[in-house]
Amino acid sequence: MDKLKYQMVIQWSEEDDCFLVELPDFPGQRWRTHGDTYESAVANGIEALESLIIAYKTAGDPLPQPTVLNVA
């Protein structure tokens, strides 16, 4: 898979008792996946991101522009 340049936000949820993963560059559902550990949340987030990219490409939809931090 191409270099993944999309941001991933991982946040602990007391309510869900797990780490929630958000992919803010992709519109729609806020939380895309989760994990019981931070490491599993990262792995699940990467898998969700790869699946989203495949789905966009299969549908012929353009990928959203990634949010990039420009440091001066």
N, C-alpha and C. Protein backbone atom coordinates (compact mmCIF):
# COMPACT_ATOMS: atom_id res chain seq x y z
N MET A 1 0.87 -1.18 0.00
CA MET A 1 0.00 0.00 0.00
C MET A 1 0.90 1.23 0.00
N ASP A 2 0.46 2.26 -0.70
CA ASP A 2 1.20 3.51 -0.72
C ASP A 2 1.41 4.01 0.70
N LYS A 3 2.37 4.91 0.85
CA LYS A 3 2.56 5.51 2.18
C LYS A 3 1.24 6.11 2.65
N LEU A 4 0.89 5.79 3.86
CA LEU A 4 -0.35 6.31 4.42
C LEU A 4 -0.07 7.67 5.04
N LYS A 5 -0.62 8.71 4.46
CA LYS A 5 -0.36 10.08 4.92
C LYS A 5 -1.56 10.69 5.61
N TYR A 6 -2.52 9.87 5.96
CA TYR A 6 -3.73 10.37 6.60
C TYR A 6 -3.56 10.35 8.11
N GLN A 7 -4.15 11.34 8.77
CA GLN A 7 -4.05 11.39 10.22
C GLN A 7 -4.98 10.37 10.87
N MET A 8 -4.56 9.92 12.03
CA MET A 8 -5.34 8.98 12.82
C MET A 8 -5.36 9.52 14.25
N VAL A 9 -6.55 9.68 14.80
CA VAL A 9 -6.69 10.16 16.17
C VAL A 9 -7.10 8.97 17.03
N ILE A 10 -6.32 8.72 18.08
CA ILE A 10 -6.61 7.61 18.98
C ILE A 10 -6.87 8.20 20.36
N GLN A 11 -8.01 7.84 20.92
CA GLN A 11 -8.42 8.42 22.20
C GLN A 11 -9.04 7.35 23.09
N TRP A 12 -8.68 7.36 24.35
CA TRP A 12 -9.26 6.41 25.31
C TRP A 12 -10.70 6.80 25.61
N SER A 13 -11.58 5.81 25.67
CA SER A 13 -12.98 6.03 26.02
C SER A 13 -13.30 5.25 27.28
N GLU A 14 -13.59 5.99 28.35
CA GLU A 14 -14.01 5.34 29.61
C GLU A 14 -15.32 4.59 29.39
N GLU A 15 -16.22 5.21 28.64
CA GLU A 15 -17.53 4.61 28.40
C GLU A 15 -17.43 3.26 27.69
N ASP A 16 -16.54 3.19 26.69
CA ASP A 16 -16.39 1.97 25.90
C ASP A 16 -15.29 1.05 26.44
N ASP A 17 -14.47 1.57 27.37
CA ASP A 17 -13.37 0.83 27.96
C ASP A 17 -12.39 0.31 26.89
N CYS A 18 -12.07 1.20 25.94
CA CYS A 18 -11.12 0.86 24.89
C CYS A 18 -10.63 2.14 24.22
N PHE A 19 -9.64 1.98 23.36
CA PHE A 19 -9.15 3.10 22.56
C PHE A 19 -9.98 3.19 21.28
N LEU A 20 -10.51 4.37 20.98
CA LEU A 20 -11.28 4.60 19.77
C LEU A 20 -10.38 5.26 18.73
N VAL A 21 -10.59 4.90 17.47
CA VAL A 21 -9.77 5.43 16.38
C VAL A 21 -10.64 6.23 15.43
N GLU A 22 -10.22 7.46 15.18
CA GLU A 22 -10.91 8.34 14.25
C GLU A 22 -9.99 8.62 13.07
N LEU A 23 -10.55 8.66 11.86
CA LEU A 23 -9.81 9.02 10.65
C LEU A 23 -10.46 10.29 10.11
N PRO A 24 -10.06 11.46 10.63
CA PRO A 24 -10.78 12.70 10.35
C PRO A 24 -10.74 13.17 8.90
N ASP A 25 -9.81 12.69 8.09
CA ASP A 25 -9.76 13.13 6.70
C ASP A 25 -10.85 12.46 5.85
N PHE A 26 -11.46 11.43 6.38
CA PHE A 26 -12.52 10.73 5.67
C PHE A 26 -13.87 11.10 6.28
N PRO A 27 -14.77 11.67 5.48
CA PRO A 27 -16.08 12.09 6.01
C PRO A 27 -16.94 10.90 6.42
N GLY A 28 -17.91 11.18 7.24
CA GLY A 28 -18.84 10.13 7.66
C GLY A 28 -18.69 9.82 9.13
N GLN A 29 -18.84 8.57 9.46
CA GLN A 29 -18.79 8.09 10.84
C GLN A 29 -17.52 8.57 11.54
N ARG A 30 -17.68 9.13 12.73
CA ARG A 30 -16.53 9.69 13.45
C ARG A 30 -15.54 8.61 13.87
N TRP A 31 -15.99 7.63 14.62
CA TRP A 31 -15.10 6.57 15.10
C TRP A 31 -15.15 5.40 14.14
N ARG A 32 -14.00 5.02 13.59
CA ARG A 32 -13.93 3.98 12.57
C ARG A 32 -13.64 2.60 13.12
N THR A 33 -12.86 2.54 14.20
CA THR A 33 -12.50 1.26 14.77
C THR A 33 -12.04 1.49 16.20
N HIS A 34 -11.55 0.45 16.84
CA HIS A 34 -11.11 0.55 18.23
C HIS A 34 -10.09 -0.53 18.53
N GLY A 35 -9.58 -0.51 19.75
CA GLY A 35 -8.68 -1.55 20.21
C GLY A 35 -8.62 -1.56 21.73
N ASP A 36 -8.40 -2.74 22.29
CA ASP A 36 -8.29 -2.84 23.75
C ASP A 36 -6.98 -2.25 24.25
N THR A 37 -5.95 -2.26 23.40
CA THR A 37 -4.67 -1.64 23.73
C THR A 37 -4.38 -0.57 22.68
N TYR A 38 -3.47 0.33 23.01
CA TYR A 38 -3.09 1.37 22.05
C TYR A 38 -2.53 0.74 20.78
N GLU A 39 -1.70 -0.28 20.96
CA GLU A 39 -1.08 -0.95 19.82
C GLU A 39 -2.12 -1.60 18.91
N SER A 40 -3.12 -2.24 19.50
CA SER A 40 -4.15 -2.87 18.67
C SER A 40 -5.02 -1.81 18.01
N ALA A 41 -5.22 -0.66 18.66
CA ALA A 41 -5.96 0.43 18.03
C ALA A 41 -5.21 0.96 16.82
N VAL A 42 -3.89 1.09 16.93
CA VAL A 42 -3.08 1.54 15.79
C VAL A 42 -3.20 0.53 14.64
N ALA A 43 -3.03 -0.75 14.93
CA ALA A 43 -3.11 -1.79 13.90
C ALA A 43 -4.50 -1.80 13.25
N ASN A 44 -5.54 -1.69 14.06
CA ASN A 44 -6.90 -1.67 13.52
C ASN A 44 -7.16 -0.40 12.71
N GLY A 45 -6.58 0.72 13.16
CA GLY A 45 -6.71 1.97 12.42
C GLY A 45 -6.06 1.90 11.05
N ILE A 46 -4.88 1.30 10.98
CA ILE A 46 -4.19 1.12 9.69
C ILE A 46 -5.02 0.23 8.77
N GLU A 47 -5.55 -0.85 9.33
CA GLU A 47 -6.39 -1.76 8.54
C GLU A 47 -7.64 -1.03 8.03
N ALA A 48 -8.27 -0.24 8.87
CA ALA A 48 -9.46 0.52 8.46
C ALA A 48 -9.10 1.53 7.37
N LEU A 49 -7.97 2.18 7.53
CA LEU A 49 -7.53 3.16 6.54
C LEU A 49 -7.25 2.49 5.20
N GLU A 50 -6.56 1.36 5.22
CA GLU A 50 -6.29 0.62 3.98
C GLU A 50 -7.60 0.19 3.31
N SER A 51 -8.56 -0.26 4.10
CA SER A 51 -9.86 -0.68 3.56
C SER A 51 -10.61 0.50 2.94
N LEU A 52 -10.55 1.66 3.60
CA LEU A 52 -11.19 2.86 3.05
C LEU A 52 -10.58 3.24 1.71
N ILE A 53 -9.26 3.21 1.63
CA ILE A 53 -8.56 3.57 0.38
C ILE A 53 -8.95 2.61 -0.73
N ILE A 54 -8.99 1.33 -0.44
CA ILE A 54 -9.40 0.33 -1.44
C ILE A 54 -10.84 0.59 -1.88
N ALA A 55 -11.73 0.87 -0.92
CA ALA A 55 -13.14 1.12 -1.25
C ALA A 55 -13.29 2.35 -2.14
N TYR A 56 -12.57 3.43 -1.83
CA TYR A 56 -12.62 4.64 -2.64
C TYR A 56 -12.14 4.34 -4.06
N LYS A 57 -11.02 3.65 -4.17
CA LYS A 57 -10.45 3.34 -5.49
C LYS A 57 -11.37 2.42 -6.29
N THR A 58 -11.95 1.42 -5.64
CA THR A 58 -12.86 0.49 -6.31
C THR A 58 -14.10 1.22 -6.83
N ALA A 59 -14.59 2.18 -6.05
CA ALA A 59 -15.77 2.95 -6.45
C ALA A 59 -15.43 4.04 -7.47
N GLY A 60 -14.14 4.26 -7.70
CA GLY A 60 -13.73 5.31 -8.62
C GLY A 60 -13.84 6.70 -8.02
N ASP A 61 -13.95 6.77 -6.70
CA ASP A 61 -14.05 8.05 -6.01
C ASP A 61 -12.66 8.60 -5.72
N PRO A 62 -12.49 9.91 -5.83
CA PRO A 62 -11.19 10.48 -5.49
C PRO A 62 -10.95 10.40 -3.98
N LEU A 63 -9.71 10.14 -3.61
CA LEU A 63 -9.36 10.10 -2.20
C LEU A 63 -9.37 11.52 -1.64
N PRO A 64 -9.78 11.68 -0.39
CA PRO A 64 -9.72 13.01 0.22
C PRO A 64 -8.27 13.45 0.37
N GLN A 65 -8.07 14.75 0.37
CA GLN A 65 -6.74 15.30 0.58
C GLN A 65 -6.34 15.06 2.05
N PRO A 66 -5.16 14.54 2.29
CA PRO A 66 -4.75 14.37 3.68
C PRO A 66 -4.42 15.71 4.33
N THR A 67 -4.73 15.83 5.60
CA THR A 67 -4.34 17.00 6.36
C THR A 67 -2.86 16.88 6.66
N VAL A 68 -2.08 17.87 6.25
CA VAL A 68 -0.62 17.81 6.42
C VAL A 68 -0.17 18.97 7.27
N LEU A 69 0.66 18.69 8.24
CA LEU A 69 1.22 19.73 9.09
C LEU A 69 2.43 20.34 8.38
N ASN A 70 2.40 21.63 8.18
CA ASN A 70 3.53 22.33 7.56
C ASN A 70 4.25 23.11 8.65
N VAL A 71 5.45 22.68 8.95
CA VAL A 71 6.24 23.34 9.98
C VAL A 71 7.21 24.32 9.31
N ALA A 72 7.22 25.54 9.81
CA ALA A 72 8.08 26.57 9.22
C ALA A 72 9.51 26.38 9.65
